[in-house]
């Protein structure tokens, strides 16, 4: 076994970034490609509105619940090991999802994909953080964010193309070759980085974080259907909050915590985390509604829907690499505030039927939305990662990813709940339609149209279902995006109040020691103190340990 030296790892750093971005693209493509396929899943699997929400959010619940634990395991046992194993599992579970025969089976497959995603996502950012230094790290994070945007853009387009020619399961099978390619390339191009190998594990902290985050996210997702004050919402929510409180107490008393909660006393860290949470709230919530609006209300094909949503990702992809350079000129706070302002204005424009029905104007609005996201994501991510010692990069990355997923789940749940309440309050259902169709319309426009098609009602009745439900859908979307804009305004207040005008320099050894309370914490800025190796043994160990023994 020949180890990759520090110098060799540094020389290959841009190749390493390429593999990390390919690994990241698997997740970003999967999220957006699924949104385009939702109407097809309704038609082919008979999924209800609640089923659709869980097909999206089962992945999110498991993913977010395991992120902190996965980040801590990566810090101790190797981030490349977690990355490789996660990619192998993602490929296998994607194939399982593609051939699911019911909404329940698909929801289960999405949960398994969440386990894999939790291993992949924090590994990409923590390896990046340990591979790049100084201003290059900010630029690398900008490219990382841009590739995330590219994946978002490719997802709808690729999904639309596949759905035009193949069955809905093809949107999951596309993950398999990408994941396998990243595994092969990573074997030769990605160095192994380990943080504090001697640091004891924190199994109780892991258990408490998993149970707490899962309980809270479950309640958030269940609330739109069951009601925010229903027992199905309140009980798991209360359990989740209580367990998270116990997690905080445990971590404060543990001499070797999985997550040093004192990190959140740093305004640079906590404000950036809150900003990312709230901006992803807006992104996920608006995307969830927009893809359905294009297909159910405007009657566009999946391919056209993909083309019309792509400008959001194009904006992220183009603005992301520019954001670090703007930060160097005008500072973190101004760049983030500018991005949030643009996102908020674009969200308000989403509520205009005139703008959304006009292809060129609507695409312009969505491009501007993406530019705003691209200005926010890299500097906020750099604020999180730059405020932590390098040895804790895995947990830091997990926190960054947890904020994204929690914000996304909240966005789909809260914006979806506001939309659904408004839709149901204003929808005017024709009394002479069959009772099954009326019940479907009361749930969603998609369910009403699906049931009407299954009953082989005349085209005139299909038109009546659409014409009755479409105005209610628009009304619900208008109210929901206004709320999303308010959330973005709150994020702007947080950023203005607590983000530093300019980023502080790298965490020093003394600062790292104080921040993590551990003598091995002061490792920031010293690559040579990290274990950087690339061996066949490590790669095989990842596959054996995390994918059931197939090297």
Protein backbone atom coordinates (compact mmCIF):
# COMPACT_ATOMS: atom_id res chain seq x y z
CA UNK A 1 0.00 0.00 0.00
CA UNK A 2 1.45 3.36 -1.05
CA UNK A 3 0.33 6.39 0.88
CA UNK A 4 -0.36 9.70 -0.76
CA UNK A 5 1.96 12.25 0.78
CA UNK A 6 0.84 15.67 1.96
CA UNK A 7 2.52 17.24 -1.06
CA UNK A 8 0.88 14.80 -3.48
CA UNK A 9 -2.51 15.39 -1.86
CA UNK A 10 -2.06 19.14 -2.22
CA UNK A 11 -0.99 18.84 -5.87
CA UNK A 12 -4.10 16.79 -6.63
CA UNK A 13 -6.45 19.08 -4.71
CA UNK A 14 -8.42 20.27 -7.75
CA UNK A 15 -8.88 16.67 -8.94
CA UNK A 16 -10.04 15.86 -5.44
CA UNK A 17 -12.56 18.69 -5.67
CA UNK A 18 -13.86 17.22 -8.93
CA UNK A 19 -14.60 13.87 -7.30
CA UNK A 20 -16.21 15.55 -4.30
CA UNK A 21 -18.42 17.61 -6.60
CA UNK A 22 -19.44 14.49 -8.55
CA UNK A 23 -20.39 12.83 -5.24
CA UNK A 24 -22.38 15.91 -4.24
CA UNK A 25 -24.16 16.00 -7.60
CA UNK A 26 -25.68 12.57 -6.93
CA UNK A 27 -27.63 14.03 -4.02
CA UNK A 28 -28.55 17.35 -5.63
CA UNK A 29 -29.71 15.69 -8.86
CA UNK A 30 -31.78 13.16 -6.93
CA UNK A 31 -33.66 15.84 -4.99
CA UNK A 32 -34.76 17.88 -8.00
CA UNK A 33 -35.31 14.99 -10.39
CA UNK A 34 -37.81 13.59 -7.89
CA UNK A 35 -39.83 16.82 -7.81
CA UNK A 36 -40.43 16.57 -11.56
CA UNK A 37 -41.51 12.93 -11.23
CA UNK A 38 -44.12 13.53 -8.49
CA UNK A 39 -47.13 13.80 -10.84
CA UNK A 40 -46.05 10.56 -12.59
CA UNK A 41 -45.80 8.84 -9.21
CA UNK A 42 -49.33 10.04 -8.44
CA UNK A 43 -50.60 8.52 -11.70
CA UNK A 44 -48.66 5.22 -11.54
CA UNK A 45 -48.58 4.40 -7.83
CA UNK A 46 -51.79 6.16 -6.75
CA UNK A 47 -49.90 8.33 -4.25
CA UNK A 48 -51.95 10.78 -2.19
CA UNK A 49 -50.88 14.30 -1.25
CA UNK A 50 -49.61 12.95 2.07
CA UNK A 51 -47.73 10.15 0.27
CA UNK A 52 -45.98 12.70 -1.95
CA UNK A 53 -44.86 14.69 1.04
CA UNK A 54 -43.42 11.56 2.69
CA UNK A 55 -41.74 10.38 -0.54
CA UNK A 56 -39.86 13.69 -0.44
CA UNK A 57 -39.39 13.91 3.32
CA UNK A 58 -38.65 10.31 4.36
CA UNK A 59 -35.22 10.90 2.89
CA UNK A 60 -34.93 14.22 4.69
CA UNK A 61 -35.89 12.85 8.12
CA UNK A 62 -33.37 9.99 8.04
CA UNK A 63 -30.71 12.13 6.37
CA UNK A 64 -30.90 14.97 8.89
CA UNK A 65 -31.23 12.62 11.86
CA UNK A 66 -27.97 10.82 11.02
CA UNK A 67 -25.84 13.77 9.85
CA UNK A 68 -24.20 14.62 13.17
CA UNK A 69 -23.39 10.99 13.87
CA UNK A 70 -22.00 10.45 10.36
CA UNK A 71 -19.86 13.57 10.64
CA UNK A 72 -18.43 12.42 13.97
CA UNK A 73 -17.71 8.93 12.61
CA UNK A 74 -15.95 10.47 9.62
CA UNK A 75 -13.77 12.59 11.90
CA UNK A 76 -12.71 9.51 13.84
CA UNK A 77 -12.50 6.71 11.25
CA UNK A 78 -11.94 8.56 7.99
CA UNK A 79 -14.02 10.86 5.82
CA UNK A 80 -13.13 9.03 2.61
CA UNK A 81 -14.31 5.77 4.16
CA UNK A 82 -17.70 7.33 4.89
CA UNK A 83 -17.87 8.88 1.43
CA UNK A 84 -17.11 5.64 -0.42
CA UNK A 85 -19.47 3.55 1.68
CA UNK A 86 -22.21 6.14 1.33
CA UNK A 87 -21.88 6.17 -2.46
CA UNK A 88 -22.08 2.36 -2.62
CA UNK A 89 -25.20 2.32 -0.45
CA UNK A 90 -26.78 5.17 -2.43
CA UNK A 91 -26.35 3.25 -5.68
CA UNK A 92 -27.95 0.11 -4.21
CA UNK A 93 -30.92 1.90 -2.60
CA UNK A 94 -31.55 3.98 -5.74
CA UNK A 95 -31.97 0.75 -7.70
CA UNK A 96 -34.40 -0.48 -5.02
CA UNK A 97 -36.41 2.78 -5.26
CA UNK A 98 -36.64 2.49 -9.05
CA UNK A 99 -38.54 -0.79 -8.82
CA UNK A 100 -40.84 0.08 -5.89
CA UNK A 101 -44.37 -1.15 -6.48
CA UNK A 102 -46.26 1.02 -4.01
CA UNK A 103 -46.02 4.42 -2.27
CA UNK A 104 -45.06 2.65 0.98
CA UNK A 105 -42.17 0.77 -0.67
CA UNK A 106 -40.92 3.96 -2.28
CA UNK A 107 -41.08 5.82 1.03
CA UNK A 108 -39.03 3.01 2.61
CA UNK A 109 -36.47 3.15 -0.20
CA UNK A 110 -36.17 6.90 0.23
CA UNK A 111 -35.46 6.38 3.93
CA UNK A 112 -32.61 3.99 3.07
CA UNK A 113 -31.28 6.52 0.58
CA UNK A 114 -31.24 9.01 3.47
CA UNK A 115 -28.79 6.78 5.37
CA UNK A 116 -26.46 6.84 2.36
CA UNK A 117 -26.86 10.58 1.83
CA UNK A 118 -25.96 11.24 5.48
CA UNK A 119 -22.63 9.49 4.89
CA UNK A 120 -21.91 11.32 1.62
CA UNK A 121 -22.83 14.94 2.23
CA UNK A 122 -20.73 15.89 5.29
CA UNK A 123 -17.79 13.92 3.91
CA UNK A 124 -17.59 16.07 0.77
CA UNK A 125 -17.38 19.37 2.64
CA UNK A 126 -15.08 18.12 5.42
CA UNK A 127 -12.60 16.63 2.90
CA UNK A 128 -12.72 19.90 0.94
CA UNK A 129 -12.05 21.93 4.09
CA UNK A 130 -9.02 19.81 4.91
CA UNK A 131 -7.67 19.87 1.35
CA UNK A 132 -7.74 23.62 0.62
CA UNK A 133 -6.12 26.52 2.45
CA UNK A 134 -6.73 30.26 2.74
CA UNK A 135 -8.58 32.09 -0.05
CA UNK A 136 -8.52 28.91 -2.17
CA UNK A 137 -10.84 27.26 0.32
CA UNK A 138 -13.45 29.98 -0.15
CA UNK A 139 -13.21 29.58 -3.93
CA UNK A 140 -13.44 25.79 -3.63
CA UNK A 141 -16.59 26.14 -1.49
CA UNK A 142 -17.97 28.49 -4.14
CA UNK A 143 -17.40 25.82 -6.81
CA UNK A 144 -18.88 23.19 -4.47
CA UNK A 145 -22.01 25.35 -4.10
CA UNK A 146 -22.09 25.98 -7.86
CA UNK A 147 -22.02 22.26 -8.58
CA UNK A 148 -24.88 21.85 -6.17
CA UNK A 149 -26.70 24.37 -8.33
CA UNK A 150 -25.68 22.50 -11.48
CA UNK A 151 -27.13 19.32 -10.03
CA UNK A 152 -30.36 21.15 -9.29
CA UNK A 153 -30.44 22.33 -12.91
CA UNK A 154 -29.56 18.98 -14.44
CA UNK A 155 -32.10 17.13 -12.27
CA UNK A 156 -35.31 18.60 -13.75
CA UNK A 157 -33.96 18.53 -17.31
CA UNK A 158 -32.70 14.97 -17.03
CA UNK A 159 -35.86 13.92 -15.22
CA UNK A 160 -38.05 15.48 -17.88
CA UNK A 161 -36.12 13.72 -20.65
CA UNK A 162 -36.28 10.35 -18.89
CA UNK A 163 -40.00 10.67 -18.16
CA UNK A 164 -40.67 11.48 -21.82
CA UNK A 165 -39.03 8.16 -22.88
CA UNK A 166 -39.07 5.79 -19.89
CA UNK A 167 -41.04 4.97 -16.74
CA UNK A 168 -40.84 6.97 -13.51
CA UNK A 169 -38.30 4.60 -11.93
CA UNK A 170 -35.64 5.74 -14.40
CA UNK A 171 -35.19 8.95 -12.37
CA UNK A 172 -33.67 6.84 -9.59
CA UNK A 173 -31.62 4.50 -11.77
CA UNK A 174 -29.65 7.47 -13.13
CA UNK A 175 -27.98 7.75 -9.71
CA UNK A 176 -26.28 4.37 -10.06
CA UNK A 177 -23.61 5.11 -12.73
CA UNK A 178 -22.77 8.49 -11.19
CA UNK A 179 -22.22 6.96 -7.75
CA UNK A 180 -20.16 4.07 -9.10
CA UNK A 181 -18.02 6.44 -11.18
CA UNK A 182 -17.33 8.61 -8.10
CA UNK A 183 -16.29 5.49 -6.13
CA UNK A 184 -13.74 4.47 -8.79
CA UNK A 185 -12.34 7.99 -9.21
CA UNK A 186 -12.23 8.56 -5.47
CA UNK A 187 -10.03 5.50 -4.96
CA UNK A 188 -7.18 7.23 -6.78
CA UNK A 189 -7.86 10.93 -6.33
CA UNK A 190 -9.35 11.51 -2.87
CA UNK A 191 -7.02 11.51 0.16
CA UNK A 192 -8.12 10.02 3.43
CA UNK A 193 -8.43 12.62 6.17
CA UNK A 194 -9.00 11.82 9.81
CA UNK A 195 -9.54 14.35 12.58
CA UNK A 196 -9.05 13.13 16.13
CA UNK A 197 -8.56 9.38 15.84
CA UNK A 198 -7.95 9.03 19.59
CA UNK A 199 -11.08 10.96 20.50
CA UNK A 200 -13.59 8.62 22.22
CA UNK A 201 -16.93 8.02 20.53
CA UNK A 202 -20.06 9.52 22.05
CA UNK A 203 -22.73 6.81 21.55
CA UNK A 204 -25.20 8.45 23.93
CA UNK A 205 -24.84 11.79 22.14
CA UNK A 206 -25.37 10.04 18.81
CA UNK A 207 -28.50 8.28 20.06
CA UNK A 208 -29.96 11.46 21.54
CA UNK A 209 -29.26 13.49 18.39
CA UNK A 210 -30.84 10.85 16.13
CA UNK A 211 -33.99 10.48 18.25
CA UNK A 212 -34.35 14.21 18.86
CA UNK A 213 -33.88 15.38 15.28
CA UNK A 214 -36.08 12.57 13.93
CA UNK A 215 -38.89 13.40 16.37
CA UNK A 216 -38.86 17.11 15.55
CA UNK A 217 -38.67 16.58 11.79
CA UNK A 218 -41.40 13.91 11.90
CA UNK A 219 -43.71 16.35 13.69
CA UNK A 220 -42.94 19.13 11.21
CA UNK A 221 -43.70 16.91 8.24
CA UNK A 222 -46.82 15.34 9.75
CA UNK A 223 -48.32 18.68 10.80
CA UNK A 224 -49.78 19.78 7.42
CA UNK A 225 -51.92 16.65 7.14
CA UNK A 226 -52.75 15.95 10.78
CA UNK A 227 -52.85 19.54 12.04
CA UNK A 228 -50.26 21.42 14.07
CA UNK A 229 -52.13 20.79 17.34
CA UNK A 230 -53.05 17.17 16.65
CA UNK A 231 -51.60 14.42 18.90
CA UNK A 232 -49.80 12.93 15.88
CA UNK A 233 -47.86 16.20 15.68
CA UNK A 234 -47.55 17.30 19.29
CA UNK A 235 -46.41 13.98 20.80
CA UNK A 236 -43.41 13.26 18.52
CA UNK A 237 -42.59 16.99 18.45
CA UNK A 238 -42.56 17.22 22.25
CA UNK A 239 -40.48 14.05 22.52
CA UNK A 240 -38.03 15.40 19.93
CA UNK A 241 -37.63 18.74 21.70
CA UNK A 242 -37.19 17.05 25.09
CA UNK A 243 -34.58 14.65 23.72
CA UNK A 244 -32.69 17.48 22.02
CA UNK A 245 -32.66 19.35 25.33
CA UNK A 246 -31.23 16.22 26.96
CA UNK A 247 -28.68 16.08 24.12
CA UNK A 248 -27.52 19.62 24.93
CA UNK A 249 -27.20 18.81 28.65
CA UNK A 250 -25.31 15.61 27.88
CA UNK A 251 -22.91 17.31 25.47
CA UNK A 252 -22.18 20.10 27.97
CA UNK A 253 -21.23 17.54 30.64
CA UNK A 254 -19.37 15.12 28.36
CA UNK A 255 -15.58 15.74 28.30
CA UNK A 256 -15.50 14.45 24.69
CA UNK A 257 -18.80 15.58 23.13
CA UNK A 258 -19.80 14.64 19.61
CA UNK A 259 -20.89 18.25 19.11
CA UNK A 260 -19.46 20.95 21.34
CA UNK A 261 -22.58 23.10 21.76
CA UNK A 262 -20.37 26.04 22.75
CA UNK A 263 -19.82 26.43 18.99
CA UNK A 264 -23.25 28.10 18.90
CA UNK A 265 -22.05 30.85 21.26
CA UNK A 266 -19.94 32.08 18.35
CA UNK A 267 -22.13 34.56 16.39
CA UNK A 268 -20.22 33.75 13.20
CA UNK A 269 -21.24 30.10 13.52
CA UNK A 270 -24.81 30.44 14.83
CA UNK A 271 -25.90 33.32 12.56
CA UNK A 272 -24.61 31.54 9.47
CA UNK A 273 -26.40 28.34 10.52
CA UNK A 274 -29.68 30.23 11.03
CA UNK A 275 -29.30 32.01 7.68
CA UNK A 276 -28.80 28.76 5.77
CA UNK A 277 -31.75 27.16 7.57
CA UNK A 278 -34.12 29.98 6.61
CA UNK A 279 -32.95 30.40 3.00
CA UNK A 280 -33.31 26.66 2.34
CA UNK A 281 -36.76 26.91 3.91
CA UNK A 282 -37.65 29.26 1.06
CA UNK A 283 -35.89 27.19 -1.64
CA UNK A 284 -37.43 23.80 -0.82
CA UNK A 285 -40.89 25.15 -0.07
CA UNK A 286 -41.17 27.20 -3.25
CA UNK A 287 -39.76 24.42 -5.44
CA UNK A 288 -42.25 21.92 -4.00
CA UNK A 289 -45.14 24.14 -5.12
CA UNK A 290 -43.67 25.43 -8.37
CA UNK A 291 -43.16 22.04 -10.03
CA UNK A 292 -46.78 21.11 -9.27
CA UNK A 293 -48.03 24.49 -10.49
CA UNK A 294 -46.38 24.04 -13.88
CA UNK A 295 -47.77 20.54 -14.41
CA UNK A 296 -51.17 20.56 -12.70
CA UNK A 297 -52.25 24.17 -13.29
CA UNK A 298 -50.49 25.11 -16.54
CA UNK A 299 -50.47 21.57 -17.95
CA UNK A 300 -46.78 21.51 -18.90
CA UNK A 301 -44.90 18.27 -19.54
CA UNK A 302 -42.21 17.06 -17.13
CA UNK A 303 -39.51 18.06 -19.64
CA UNK A 304 -40.87 21.58 -20.02
CA UNK A 305 -41.22 21.83 -16.25
CA UNK A 306 -37.58 20.87 -15.89
CA UNK A 307 -36.56 23.51 -18.41
CA UNK A 308 -38.58 26.19 -16.63
CA UNK A 309 -37.17 25.42 -13.16
CA UNK A 310 -33.57 25.13 -14.39
CA UNK A 311 -32.86 28.91 -14.17
CA UNK A 312 -32.87 28.68 -10.36
CA UNK A 313 -29.98 26.28 -10.49
CA UNK A 314 -28.28 28.20 -13.30
CA UNK A 315 -28.34 31.27 -11.05
CA UNK A 316 -26.80 29.34 -8.15
CA UNK A 317 -24.19 27.87 -10.47
CA UNK A 318 -23.12 31.24 -11.88
CA UNK A 319 -23.29 33.33 -8.69
CA UNK A 320 -21.74 30.71 -6.37
CA UNK A 321 -18.14 30.98 -7.65
CA UNK A 322 -18.38 34.80 -7.73
CA UNK A 323 -19.55 35.14 -4.12
CA UNK A 324 -16.13 34.48 -2.48
CA UNK A 325 -14.52 37.15 -4.66
CA UNK A 326 -17.25 39.63 -3.71
CA UNK A 327 -16.68 38.75 -0.05
CA UNK A 328 -13.01 39.63 -0.44
CA UNK A 329 -14.02 43.08 -1.77
CA UNK A 330 -17.05 44.13 0.31
CA UNK A 331 -17.26 41.62 3.17
CA UNK A 332 -19.46 38.70 4.21
CA UNK A 333 -22.38 40.65 5.65
CA UNK A 334 -23.09 42.80 2.58
CA UNK A 335 -22.89 39.85 0.17
CA UNK A 336 -25.26 37.71 2.27
CA UNK A 337 -27.71 40.60 2.77
CA UNK A 338 -27.73 41.33 -0.97
CA UNK A 339 -28.44 37.67 -1.71
CA UNK A 340 -31.29 37.51 0.81
CA UNK A 341 -32.86 40.69 -0.60
CA UNK A 342 -32.81 39.21 -4.11
CA UNK A 343 -34.33 35.91 -2.91
CA UNK A 344 -37.13 37.73 -1.04
CA UNK A 345 -38.07 39.90 -4.03
CA UNK A 346 -38.05 36.90 -6.36
CA UNK A 347 -40.32 34.96 -3.99
CA UNK A 348 -42.88 37.76 -4.06
CA UNK A 349 -42.76 37.64 -7.86
CA UNK A 350 -43.61 33.91 -7.67
CA UNK A 351 -47.07 34.97 -6.55
CA UNK A 352 -47.74 36.87 -9.81
CA UNK A 353 -49.73 34.81 -12.32
CA UNK A 354 -48.65 37.23 -15.06
CA UNK A 355 -44.94 36.61 -14.38
CA UNK A 356 -45.26 32.87 -13.86
CA UNK A 357 -47.35 32.25 -16.98
CA UNK A 358 -44.93 34.25 -19.14
CA UNK A 359 -42.10 31.89 -20.06
CA UNK A 360 -39.35 34.52 -20.53
CA UNK A 361 -40.37 36.68 -17.56
CA UNK A 362 -40.85 33.69 -15.29
CA UNK A 363 -37.47 32.23 -16.22
CA UNK A 364 -35.91 35.63 -15.50
CA UNK A 365 -37.47 35.71 -12.03
CA UNK A 366 -36.22 32.21 -11.26
CA UNK A 367 -32.73 33.10 -12.52
CA UNK A 368 -32.69 36.06 -10.13
CA UNK A 369 -33.84 33.77 -7.30
CA UNK A 370 -30.88 31.50 -8.05
CA UNK A 371 -28.46 34.43 -8.08
CA UNK A 372 -29.64 35.33 -4.60
CA UNK A 373 -29.12 31.76 -3.35
CA UNK A 374 -25.68 31.69 -4.96
CA UNK A 375 -24.67 34.84 -3.08
CA UNK A 376 -25.84 33.47 0.27
CA UNK A 377 -24.62 29.85 0.29
CA UNK A 378 -20.79 30.08 -0.11
CA UNK A 379 -20.10 32.85 2.44
CA UNK A 380 -22.53 31.38 4.98
CA UNK A 381 -20.96 27.93 4.57
CA UNK A 382 -17.46 29.39 4.88
CA UNK A 383 -18.56 31.19 8.06
CA UNK A 384 -19.60 27.86 9.58
CA UNK A 385 -16.55 25.88 8.51
CA UNK A 386 -14.07 28.69 9.11
CA UNK A 387 -15.18 29.16 12.70
CA UNK A 388 -14.29 25.57 13.67
CA UNK A 389 -10.99 23.74 14.16
CA UNK A 390 -10.03 21.54 11.25
CA UNK A 391 -10.08 18.39 13.36
CA UNK A 392 -13.83 18.86 13.84
CA UNK A 393 -14.54 19.49 10.16
CA UNK A 394 -16.78 16.45 9.86
CA UNK A 395 -19.12 17.56 12.65
CA UNK A 396 -18.98 21.14 11.35
CA UNK A 397 -19.98 19.96 7.90
CA UNK A 398 -22.76 17.88 9.45
CA UNK A 399 -24.11 20.96 11.24
CA UNK A 400 -24.05 22.86 7.94
CA UNK A 401 -25.90 20.03 6.22
CA UNK A 402 -28.35 19.59 9.10
CA UNK A 403 -29.36 23.24 8.82
CA UNK A 404 -30.02 22.77 5.09
CA UNK A 405 -32.12 19.67 5.54
CA UNK A 406 -34.01 20.98 8.56
CA UNK A 407 -34.73 24.21 6.71
CA UNK A 408 -35.83 22.24 3.65
CA UNK A 409 -38.15 19.99 5.66
CA UNK A 410 -39.61 23.01 7.43
CA UNK A 411 -40.09 24.73 4.08
CA UNK A 412 -42.00 21.83 2.53
CA UNK A 413 -44.06 21.30 5.70
CA UNK A 414 -44.86 24.88 6.69
CA UNK A 415 -45.25 26.35 3.22
CA UNK A 416 -47.12 23.19 2.19
CA UNK A 417 -49.40 23.55 5.22
CA UNK A 418 -50.14 27.22 4.52
CA UNK A 419 -50.80 26.39 0.88
CA UNK A 420 -53.08 23.46 1.73
CA UNK A 421 -55.12 25.45 4.26
CA UNK A 422 -55.70 28.27 1.79
CA UNK A 423 -56.44 25.86 -1.08
CA UNK A 424 -59.06 23.95 0.90
CA UNK A 425 -60.70 27.13 2.17
CA UNK A 426 -61.31 28.61 -1.30
CA UNK A 427 -61.64 25.63 -3.67
CA UNK A 428 -65.14 25.42 -5.16
CA UNK A 429 -65.97 21.81 -5.91
CA UNK A 430 -68.80 21.12 -8.40
CA UNK A 431 -71.55 19.26 -6.53
CA UNK A 432 -72.48 17.04 -9.48
CA UNK A 433 -69.07 15.38 -9.77
CA UNK A 434 -68.66 11.81 -8.39
CA UNK A 435 -67.96 11.74 -4.66
CA UNK A 436 -64.52 10.16 -5.18
CA UNK A 437 -63.48 13.03 -7.42
CA UNK A 438 -64.83 15.60 -4.98
CA UNK A 439 -62.88 14.00 -2.14
CA UNK A 440 -59.74 13.99 -4.29
CA UNK A 441 -60.19 17.65 -5.19
CA UNK A 442 -60.54 18.51 -1.50
CA UNK A 443 -57.10 16.94 -0.93
CA UNK A 444 -55.27 18.44 -3.92
CA UNK A 445 -55.69 19.31 -7.58
CA UNK A 446 -53.41 16.40 -8.50
CA UNK A 447 -55.54 13.86 -6.62
CA UNK A 448 -58.73 15.20 -8.19
CA UNK A 449 -57.34 14.96 -11.72
CA UNK A 450 -55.88 11.49 -11.11
CA UNK A 451 -59.15 10.05 -9.80
CA UNK A 452 -61.12 11.64 -12.63
CA UNK A 453 -58.77 10.03 -15.18
CA UNK A 454 -58.97 6.64 -13.42
CA UNK A 455 -62.78 6.80 -13.57
CA UNK A 456 -62.53 7.63 -17.30
CA UNK A 457 -64.69 10.72 -16.96
CA UNK A 458 -65.32 12.74 -20.13
CA UNK A 459 -62.83 15.42 -21.09
CA UNK A 460 -65.40 18.06 -20.20
CA UNK A 461 -65.41 16.83 -16.58
CA UNK A 462 -61.61 16.84 -16.47
CA UNK A 463 -61.69 20.46 -17.61
CA UNK A 464 -64.23 21.26 -14.89
CA UNK A 465 -62.00 19.67 -12.22
CA UNK A 466 -59.02 21.67 -13.44
CA UNK A 467 -60.89 24.96 -13.80
CA UNK A 468 -62.37 24.64 -10.31
CA UNK A 469 -59.13 23.67 -8.56
CA UNK A 470 -56.60 25.83 -10.45
CA UNK A 471 -57.66 29.22 -8.98
CA UNK A 472 -57.54 27.72 -5.48
CA UNK A 473 -54.04 26.37 -6.16
CA UNK A 474 -52.87 29.81 -7.28
CA UNK A 475 -54.41 31.45 -4.22
CA UNK A 476 -52.69 28.97 -1.92
CA UNK A 477 -49.34 29.46 -3.67
CA UNK A 478 -49.61 33.24 -3.43
CA UNK A 479 -50.17 33.12 0.32
CA UNK A 480 -47.38 30.56 0.79
CA UNK A 481 -44.70 32.53 -1.11
CA UNK A 482 -45.53 35.72 0.80
CA UNK A 483 -44.88 33.80 4.01
CA UNK A 484 -41.63 32.51 2.49
CA UNK A 485 -40.58 36.10 1.77
CA UNK A 486 -41.25 37.01 5.42
CA UNK A 487 -38.99 34.15 6.52
CA UNK A 488 -36.23 35.41 4.22
CA UNK A 489 -36.65 38.89 5.75
CA UNK A 490 -36.12 37.33 9.21
CA UNK A 491 -32.94 35.69 7.88
CA UNK A 492 -31.76 39.11 6.68
CA UNK A 493 -32.30 40.59 10.16
CA UNK A 494 -30.28 37.76 11.72
CA UNK A 495 -27.47 38.19 9.18
CA UNK A 496 -27.41 41.97 9.60
CA UNK A 497 -27.29 41.72 13.39
CA UNK A 498 -24.87 38.85 13.96
CA UNK A 499 -22.74 38.05 10.89
CA UNK A 500 -19.33 39.75 10.91
CA UNK A 501 -18.75 42.46 8.35
CA UNK A 502 -15.71 40.50 7.23
CA UNK A 503 -14.61 36.96 7.95
CA UNK A 504 -12.13 36.48 10.74
CA UNK A 505 -8.89 34.77 10.00
CA UNK A 506 -8.38 31.03 10.49
CA UNK A 507 -9.00 29.58 13.91
CA UNK A 508 -5.74 29.56 15.79
CA UNK A 509 -4.50 26.68 17.87
CA UNK A 510 -5.39 28.48 21.08
CA UNK A 511 -8.84 29.40 19.83
CA UNK A 512 -9.43 25.86 18.67
CA UNK A 513 -8.38 24.48 22.02
CA UNK A 514 -10.82 26.75 23.79
CA UNK A 515 -13.62 26.07 21.30
CA UNK A 516 -13.53 22.31 21.52
CA UNK A 517 -12.09 21.91 25.00
CA UNK A 518 -9.64 19.30 23.79
CA UNK A 519 -5.85 19.48 23.50
CA UNK A 520 -6.03 18.09 19.98
CA UNK A 521 -8.37 20.79 18.79
CA UNK A 522 -5.75 23.28 17.56
CA UNK A 523 -5.19 21.72 14.18
CA UNK A 524 -6.67 24.38 11.93
CA UNK A 525 -4.38 25.48 9.12
CA UNK A 526 -1.90 22.57 9.50
CA UNK A 527 -2.60 19.89 6.91
CA UNK A 528 0.39 17.87 7.98
CA UNK A 529 -1.22 17.15 11.35
CA UNK A 530 -4.07 15.40 9.56
CA UNK A 531 -3.73 11.84 8.36
CA UNK A 532 -3.65 12.03 4.56
CA UNK A 533 -3.44 8.64 2.92
CA UNK A 534 -4.90 6.89 -0.09
CA UNK A 535 -4.69 3.13 0.07
CA UNK A 536 -6.45 0.13 -1.38
CA UNK A 537 -7.06 -1.04 2.15
CA UNK A 538 -8.96 2.05 3.11
CA UNK A 539 -11.12 1.86 0.01
CA UNK A 540 -11.89 -1.80 0.48
CA UNK A 541 -12.56 -1.20 4.14
CA UNK A 542 -15.17 1.36 3.26
CA UNK A 543 -16.94 -1.07 0.98
CA UNK A 544 -16.66 -3.97 3.37
CA UNK A 545 -17.72 -2.00 6.40
CA UNK A 546 -20.58 -0.03 4.93
CA UNK A 547 -21.94 -2.00 1.98
CA UNK A 548 -22.08 -5.49 3.32
CA UNK A 549 -18.75 -6.94 2.29
CA UNK A 550 -18.58 -6.46 -1.46
CA UNK A 551 -15.20 -4.92 -2.21
